[in-house]
Amino acid sequence: MAYSSLLLRYSENLTFLNHIQNRVKGIISPFCEENGFLFEGRIKSRNSVSEKLETGLYSSWDDLTDLYACTIVVNLPDQESFVREFLSDSFQVDFDKSKYKGEQNKPADVFRYDSTRVYCRIKKPAHVDSYEPLYEIFFEIQIRTIFEYAWSKTTHALAYKSPVVDWKRQRLAAQLKAATEQIETLVLAFDHASEHILESKSPDVEDQTKIQLFFTNLIEEGFLPSEMEPSDWTRFSSNVYKLFQMKSNKKPSGRSFCSIKEIDELFATIKDQVVSIGPGSIPRSISLFQLVACIFFERLSDKSEKKFGSYNMLVTKEMKDLFPNLSIPCSSFDIE
């Protein structure tokens, strides 16, 4: 429960804290949306402030640096430096107060909260000379990885906001933090660590790998324009693989327990058609997958009307204009 004298001081600052919250959110939210980061913020409640002051760690009101606090959740640990640079450009950062991950004292056998906390103030405009609380109140910006964020969200209420003080709960929270750090280590060393994974036979993945390499080489060798490169090679390879399954008279699912026997023949036919069109004449109005699908059904389809389950080929006006004789042996998602 908050004291009445404290409530008065808290209320005096609340207006400024609301202004700070709106200003900070207005600056950080667009940045997070642009980069795919999560963002959340809150003004500390009166009871929380009261309990914080009772810890004995603060000598004055000015020592409170997290009356307003927010969190930026990055996807990968190495994105933190990018966020810190943005914060330095956007706010007045107190580098002495701030605590950075990896720069804090922490024994090797201890696993506790250690995310980066950057302490900032709103930048004071050049025309403001007098004291203005809006530009003097510190606020806290935490930078967490998505794994740290999940750990904090799931364990804070269970272990640290629990109605009971329990060693076992706190121990389990620390063990989960250790697991979180291990996950982050694997993420940072993902390419290297994946080399040590025991590989099992997977015909569908092996064929999709061949598909990705085949089309990558066509682009690198100049047979296809670079602007047609898919944004997601994994999705593209899976989609083309389904076309190959259809040619093999299989239901297009993207999964199979046996390799596509005629895959090299399919590659040769597609390359012949791409070469005959010429890189300068390759249509840019359709995607690479649509181009492959048009070539596939123009040259390789038996023109049958066999339906392959719930598979629906995306058919656009551009495809019809470029390939007027296009006939597909499956249902279609027709935009018109």
Protein backbone atom coordinates (compact mmCIF):
# COMPACT_ATOMS: atom_id res chain seq x y z
CA MET A 1 0.00 0.00 0.00
CA ALA A 2 1.39 3.43 -0.95
CA TYR A 3 1.82 6.18 1.66
CA SER A 4 -0.25 9.36 1.31
CA SER A 5 2.84 11.60 1.11
CA LEU A 6 4.27 9.38 -1.58
CA LEU A 7 0.99 9.42 -3.48
CA LEU A 8 1.15 13.18 -3.70
CA ARG A 9 4.66 13.16 -5.16
CA TYR A 10 3.74 10.35 -7.50
CA SER A 11 0.68 12.24 -8.73
CA GLU A 12 2.78 15.34 -9.35
CA ASN A 13 4.99 13.32 -11.70
CA LEU A 14 2.24 11.31 -13.34
CA THR A 15 1.41 14.00 -15.91
CA PHE A 16 5.02 14.15 -17.04
CA LEU A 17 5.28 10.34 -17.06
CA ASN A 18 2.26 10.14 -19.37
CA HIS A 19 3.91 12.67 -21.70
CA ILE A 20 7.14 10.68 -21.63
CA GLN A 21 5.27 7.45 -22.33
CA ASN A 22 3.56 8.96 -25.38
CA ARG A 23 6.77 10.54 -26.70
CA VAL A 24 8.84 7.38 -26.26
CA LYS A 25 6.17 5.17 -27.80
CA GLY A 26 5.86 7.57 -30.74
CA ILE A 27 9.61 7.28 -31.40
CA ILE A 28 10.23 3.61 -30.72
CA SER A 29 7.06 1.95 -32.07
CA PRO A 30 7.70 2.84 -35.75
CA PHE A 31 11.30 1.66 -35.39
CA CYS A 32 10.15 -1.68 -33.94
CA GLU A 33 7.45 -2.14 -36.57
CA GLU A 34 9.95 -1.48 -39.35
CA ASN A 35 12.42 -4.02 -37.99
CA GLY A 36 10.03 -6.68 -36.74
CA PHE A 37 10.73 -6.12 -33.03
CA LEU A 38 8.22 -6.32 -30.20
CA PHE A 39 7.63 -3.27 -28.02
CA GLU A 40 5.82 -2.75 -24.73
CA GLY A 41 5.92 -0.13 -22.00
CA ARG A 42 4.32 0.78 -18.70
CA ILE A 43 4.27 3.43 -15.99
CA LYS A 44 5.11 1.92 -12.62
CA SER A 45 2.12 1.78 -10.30
CA ARG A 46 1.99 3.68 -7.01
CA ASN A 47 2.16 0.51 -4.93
CA SER A 48 5.09 -0.77 -6.93
CA VAL A 49 6.95 2.52 -6.39
CA SER A 50 6.26 2.33 -2.67
CA GLU A 51 7.58 -1.21 -2.39
CA LYS A 52 10.62 -0.30 -4.47
CA LEU A 53 11.52 2.57 -2.12
CA GLU A 54 11.22 0.21 0.84
CA THR A 55 14.22 -1.77 -0.48
CA GLY A 56 16.50 0.91 0.96
CA LEU A 57 18.41 1.33 -2.30
CA TYR A 58 17.26 4.87 -3.06
CA SER A 59 18.22 8.12 -1.34
CA SER A 60 15.97 10.50 -3.27
CA TRP A 61 13.17 10.63 -5.80
CA ASP A 62 15.67 11.43 -8.52
CA ASP A 63 17.30 8.01 -8.04
CA LEU A 64 14.22 6.32 -9.53
CA THR A 65 15.08 5.72 -13.16
CA ASP A 66 12.26 3.39 -14.17
CA LEU A 67 9.04 5.15 -13.23
CA TYR A 68 8.40 4.70 -16.90
CA ALA A 69 10.03 1.64 -18.46
CA CYS A 70 9.67 -0.07 -21.81
CA THR A 71 11.10 -3.11 -23.52
CA ILE A 72 12.36 -3.68 -27.04
CA VAL A 73 12.40 -7.38 -27.91
CA VAL A 74 14.89 -8.28 -30.64
CA ASN A 75 14.85 -11.53 -32.57
CA LEU A 76 18.58 -12.28 -32.42
CA PRO A 77 21.20 -11.41 -29.77
CA ASP A 78 23.47 -9.64 -32.26
CA GLN A 79 20.70 -7.13 -33.11
CA GLU A 80 21.19 -5.40 -29.76
CA SER A 81 24.00 -3.14 -31.01
CA PHE A 82 21.70 -1.88 -33.77
CA VAL A 83 19.04 -0.97 -31.21
CA ARG A 84 21.55 0.71 -28.91
CA GLU A 85 22.73 2.88 -31.79
CA PHE A 86 19.13 3.88 -32.51
CA LEU A 87 18.56 4.80 -28.85
CA SER A 88 21.72 6.92 -28.77
CA ASP A 89 20.48 8.86 -31.80
CA SER A 90 16.94 9.25 -30.49
CA PHE A 91 17.36 10.04 -26.79
CA GLN A 92 19.77 11.55 -24.31
CA VAL A 93 21.43 8.41 -22.98
CA ASP A 94 23.23 8.27 -19.65
CA PHE A 95 25.98 5.80 -20.49
CA ASP A 96 27.25 5.68 -16.89
CA LYS A 97 23.88 4.64 -15.47
CA SER A 98 23.11 2.17 -18.25
CA LYS A 99 23.87 -1.52 -17.79
CA TYR A 100 24.80 -3.59 -20.82
CA LYS A 101 24.54 -7.33 -21.26
CA GLY A 102 27.96 -8.95 -21.09
CA GLU A 103 29.50 -5.97 -19.27
CA GLN A 104 27.99 -6.68 -15.85
CA ASN A 105 29.71 -8.68 -13.13
CA LYS A 106 28.22 -12.16 -13.04
CA PRO A 107 29.75 -15.38 -11.69
CA ALA A 108 29.93 -18.21 -14.20
CA ASP A 109 27.64 -20.39 -12.11
CA VAL A 110 24.89 -17.79 -11.65
CA PHE A 111 21.86 -17.47 -13.91
CA ARG A 112 19.73 -14.39 -13.28
CA TYR A 113 18.17 -11.47 -15.05
CA ASP A 114 20.92 -9.54 -16.85
CA SER A 115 19.30 -7.92 -19.89
CA THR A 116 20.57 -4.57 -21.13
CA ARG A 117 18.97 -1.54 -19.48
CA VAL A 118 19.53 1.82 -21.12
CA TYR A 119 18.65 4.90 -19.06
CA CYS A 120 17.48 7.83 -21.11
CA ARG A 121 15.83 11.21 -21.07
CA ILE A 122 13.84 13.00 -23.73
CA LYS A 123 16.17 15.26 -25.70
CA LYS A 124 15.70 18.88 -24.72
CA PRO A 125 15.05 21.16 -27.72
CA ALA A 126 17.60 23.92 -28.29
CA HIS A 127 15.06 26.66 -27.54
CA VAL A 128 14.30 25.31 -24.03
CA ASP A 129 16.69 26.87 -21.51
CA SER A 130 14.75 26.60 -18.26
CA TYR A 131 14.26 23.53 -16.09
CA GLU A 132 11.51 21.33 -17.46
CA PRO A 133 10.71 18.02 -15.68
CA LEU A 134 9.73 16.47 -19.00
CA TYR A 135 13.37 16.59 -20.07
CA GLU A 136 14.88 15.73 -16.67
CA ILE A 137 13.04 12.55 -15.69
CA PHE A 138 14.91 9.38 -16.52
CA PHE A 139 13.19 6.35 -17.99
CA GLU A 140 14.41 2.83 -18.63
CA ILE A 141 14.57 0.99 -21.94
CA GLN A 142 15.29 -2.72 -21.69
CA ILE A 143 16.61 -4.68 -24.65
CA ARG A 144 15.82 -8.37 -24.51
CA THR A 145 16.04 -11.20 -26.96
CA ILE A 146 12.81 -12.99 -27.68
CA PHE A 147 14.02 -15.90 -25.54
CA GLU A 148 14.82 -13.61 -22.59
CA TYR A 149 11.43 -11.99 -23.01
CA ALA A 150 9.68 -15.35 -22.88
CA TRP A 151 11.71 -16.38 -19.81
CA SER A 152 10.86 -13.14 -18.00
CA LYS A 153 7.17 -13.31 -18.87
CA THR A 154 6.76 -16.92 -17.81
CA THR A 155 8.86 -16.96 -14.65
CA HIS A 156 8.36 -13.49 -13.15
CA ALA A 157 4.84 -14.17 -11.91
CA LEU A 158 5.57 -17.79 -11.04
CA ALA A 159 8.76 -17.26 -9.03
CA TYR A 160 9.24 -13.61 -8.15
CA LYS A 161 5.66 -12.34 -7.85
CA SER A 162 4.57 -15.53 -6.15
CA PRO A 163 2.49 -15.30 -2.95
CA VAL A 164 5.08 -17.54 -1.29
CA VAL A 165 8.86 -17.33 -0.95
CA ASP A 166 10.08 -20.65 -2.29
CA TRP A 167 13.69 -21.71 -2.93
CA LYS A 168 12.60 -24.40 -5.39
CA ARG A 169 10.65 -21.92 -7.52
CA GLN A 170 13.60 -19.53 -7.66
CA ARG A 171 15.95 -22.41 -8.45
CA LEU A 172 13.74 -23.54 -11.33
CA ALA A 173 13.58 -19.98 -12.68
CA ALA A 174 17.39 -19.87 -12.67
CA GLN A 175 17.56 -23.22 -14.45
CA LEU A 176 15.19 -21.91 -17.12
CA LYS A 177 17.42 -18.85 -17.49
CA ALA A 178 20.38 -21.19 -18.04
CA ALA A 179 18.40 -22.98 -20.73
CA THR A 180 17.59 -19.61 -22.31
CA GLU A 181 21.27 -18.70 -22.48
CA GLN A 182 22.03 -22.07 -24.04
CA ILE A 183 19.39 -21.46 -26.73
CA GLU A 184 20.88 -18.04 -27.48
CA THR A 185 24.32 -19.57 -27.77
CA LEU A 186 23.01 -22.05 -30.33
CA VAL A 187 21.26 -19.25 -32.23
CA LEU A 188 24.46 -17.19 -32.43
CA ALA A 189 26.40 -20.23 -33.64
CA PHE A 190 23.52 -21.64 -35.69
CA ASP A 191 25.42 -22.33 -38.92
CA HIS A 192 28.39 -23.86 -37.12
CA ALA A 193 26.27 -25.85 -34.66
CA SER A 194 24.06 -27.25 -37.43
CA GLU A 195 27.13 -28.86 -38.99
CA HIS A 196 27.30 -31.17 -35.98
CA ILE A 197 23.69 -32.34 -36.23
CA LEU A 198 23.47 -36.00 -37.22
CA GLU A 199 21.67 -35.95 -40.55
CA SER A 200 18.94 -38.44 -41.44
CA LYS A 201 17.75 -39.37 -44.89
CA SER A 202 14.89 -37.16 -46.08
CA PRO A 203 14.15 -37.52 -49.81
CA ASP A 204 11.82 -34.53 -49.94
CA VAL A 205 14.34 -32.16 -48.32
CA GLU A 206 17.13 -33.53 -50.54
CA ASP A 207 15.07 -32.82 -53.66
CA GLN A 208 14.11 -29.36 -52.43
CA THR A 209 17.79 -28.63 -51.83
CA LYS A 210 18.48 -29.60 -55.44
CA ILE A 211 15.68 -27.28 -56.59
CA GLN A 212 17.09 -24.35 -54.63
CA LEU A 213 20.62 -24.92 -55.99
CA PHE A 214 19.34 -25.34 -59.55
CA PHE A 215 17.51 -22.01 -59.62
CA THR A 216 20.24 -20.23 -57.66
CA ASN A 217 22.70 -21.29 -60.35
CA LEU A 218 20.37 -20.05 -63.12
CA ILE A 219 20.35 -16.62 -61.50
CA GLU A 220 24.10 -16.59 -60.81
CA GLU A 221 24.85 -17.67 -64.40
CA GLY A 222 22.65 -14.89 -65.80
CA PHE A 223 19.92 -17.07 -67.32
CA LEU A 224 17.38 -15.50 -64.96
CA PRO A 225 17.27 -11.84 -63.85
CA SER A 226 18.40 -11.31 -60.26
CA GLU A 227 15.26 -9.33 -59.41
CA MET A 228 13.26 -12.55 -59.75
CA GLU A 229 15.09 -14.12 -56.81
CA PRO A 230 12.50 -15.27 -54.23
CA SER A 231 12.51 -13.64 -50.81
CA ASP A 232 12.14 -17.09 -49.24
CA TRP A 233 14.08 -19.86 -50.98
CA THR A 234 12.71 -22.51 -48.64
CA ARG A 235 9.09 -21.68 -49.47
CA PHE A 236 9.88 -21.36 -53.19
CA SER A 237 11.64 -24.74 -53.29
CA SER A 238 8.75 -26.39 -51.48
CA ASN A 239 6.26 -24.88 -53.95
CA VAL A 240 8.24 -26.03 -57.01
CA TYR A 241 8.66 -29.44 -55.42
CA LYS A 242 4.87 -29.78 -55.38
CA LEU A 243 4.82 -29.15 -59.14
CA PHE A 244 7.36 -31.92 -59.59
CA GLN A 245 5.19 -34.22 -57.48
CA MET A 246 2.27 -33.51 -59.78
CA LYS A 247 4.39 -34.49 -62.79
CA SER A 248 5.15 -37.73 -60.98
CA ASN A 249 1.41 -38.22 -60.62
CA LYS A 250 1.57 -37.73 -56.85
CA LYS A 251 -0.60 -35.60 -54.66
CA PRO A 252 1.34 -32.33 -54.15
CA SER A 253 2.07 -32.21 -50.45
CA GLY A 254 5.69 -31.09 -50.15
CA ARG A 255 6.45 -34.34 -48.28
CA SER A 256 7.51 -37.66 -49.69
CA PHE A 257 9.36 -40.79 -48.60
CA CYS A 258 10.92 -41.35 -52.00
CA SER A 259 12.89 -39.16 -54.39
CA ILE A 260 11.47 -37.83 -57.64
CA LYS A 261 13.15 -40.06 -60.22
CA GLU A 262 12.85 -37.69 -63.18
CA ILE A 263 14.02 -34.57 -61.34
CA ASP A 264 17.10 -34.14 -63.57
CA GLU A 265 14.93 -34.37 -66.68
CA LEU A 266 12.61 -31.72 -65.27
CA PHE A 267 15.58 -29.46 -64.59
CA ALA A 268 16.87 -29.92 -68.15
CA THR A 269 13.50 -29.11 -69.68
CA ILE A 270 13.04 -25.98 -67.59
CA LYS A 271 16.56 -24.76 -68.33
CA ASP A 272 16.08 -25.32 -72.09
CA GLN A 273 12.93 -23.19 -72.01
CA VAL A 274 14.55 -20.44 -69.90
CA VAL A 275 17.54 -20.32 -72.26
CA SER A 276 15.29 -20.19 -75.32
CA ILE A 277 13.35 -17.25 -73.89
CA GLY A 278 16.57 -15.39 -73.05
CA PRO A 279 17.27 -13.33 -69.94
CA GLY A 280 16.27 -10.09 -71.67
CA SER A 281 12.85 -11.47 -72.55
CA ILE A 282 12.04 -13.15 -69.25
CA PRO A 283 8.76 -11.55 -68.08
CA ARG A 284 9.15 -9.50 -64.89
CA SER A 285 5.40 -9.16 -64.36
CA ILE A 286 5.17 -12.63 -62.79
CA SER A 287 7.10 -14.29 -60.00
CA LEU A 288 9.78 -16.91 -60.56
CA PHE A 289 7.42 -19.59 -59.29
CA GLN A 290 4.70 -18.48 -61.70
CA LEU A 291 7.21 -18.55 -64.55
CA VAL A 292 8.25 -22.08 -63.61
CA ALA A 293 4.62 -23.15 -63.31
CA CYS A 294 3.80 -21.75 -66.77
CA ILE A 295 6.80 -23.47 -68.33
CA PHE A 296 5.98 -26.62 -66.45
CA PHE A 297 2.40 -26.91 -67.65
CA GLU A 298 3.13 -25.64 -71.17
CA ARG A 299 5.91 -28.13 -71.78
CA LEU A 300 5.41 -30.94 -69.31
CA SER A 301 1.73 -31.35 -68.58
CA ASP A 302 -0.27 -34.08 -70.25
CA LYS A 303 -3.17 -31.58 -70.33
CA SER A 304 -5.29 -33.92 -68.26
CA GLU A 305 -7.94 -32.51 -65.98
CA LYS A 306 -6.93 -34.64 -63.04
CA LYS A 307 -7.57 -32.88 -59.74
CA PHE A 308 -4.96 -33.12 -57.02
CA GLY A 309 -6.94 -32.92 -53.81
CA SER A 310 -7.25 -29.45 -52.36
CA TYR A 311 -4.25 -28.02 -54.25
CA ASN A 312 -5.07 -24.71 -55.94
CA MET A 313 -2.64 -23.12 -58.39
CA LEU A 314 -2.48 -19.32 -58.26
CA VAL A 315 -3.39 -18.10 -61.74
CA THR A 316 -3.07 -14.38 -62.53
CA LYS A 317 -4.04 -12.28 -65.52
CA GLU A 318 -0.35 -11.76 -66.28
CA MET A 319 0.15 -15.51 -66.51
CA LYS A 320 -2.76 -15.86 -68.92
CA ASP A 321 -1.55 -12.96 -71.07
CA LEU A 322 1.99 -14.34 -71.32
CA PHE A 323 0.91 -17.95 -71.74
CA PRO A 324 -2.52 -17.88 -73.46
CA ASN A 325 -2.56 -21.65 -74.00
CA LEU A 326 -1.87 -22.40 -70.36
CA SER A 327 -3.73 -25.45 -69.09
CA ILE A 328 -3.25 -26.79 -65.61
CA PRO A 329 -4.26 -30.23 -64.34
CA CYS A 330 -5.54 -28.99 -61.00
CA SER A 331 -7.87 -26.52 -59.37
CA SER A 332 -6.89 -22.88 -59.49
CA PHE A 333 -7.12 -19.78 -57.39
CA ASP A 334 -8.33 -17.39 -60.04
CA ILE A 335 -8.02 -13.72 -59.08
CA GLU A 336 -10.58 -12.59 -61.67
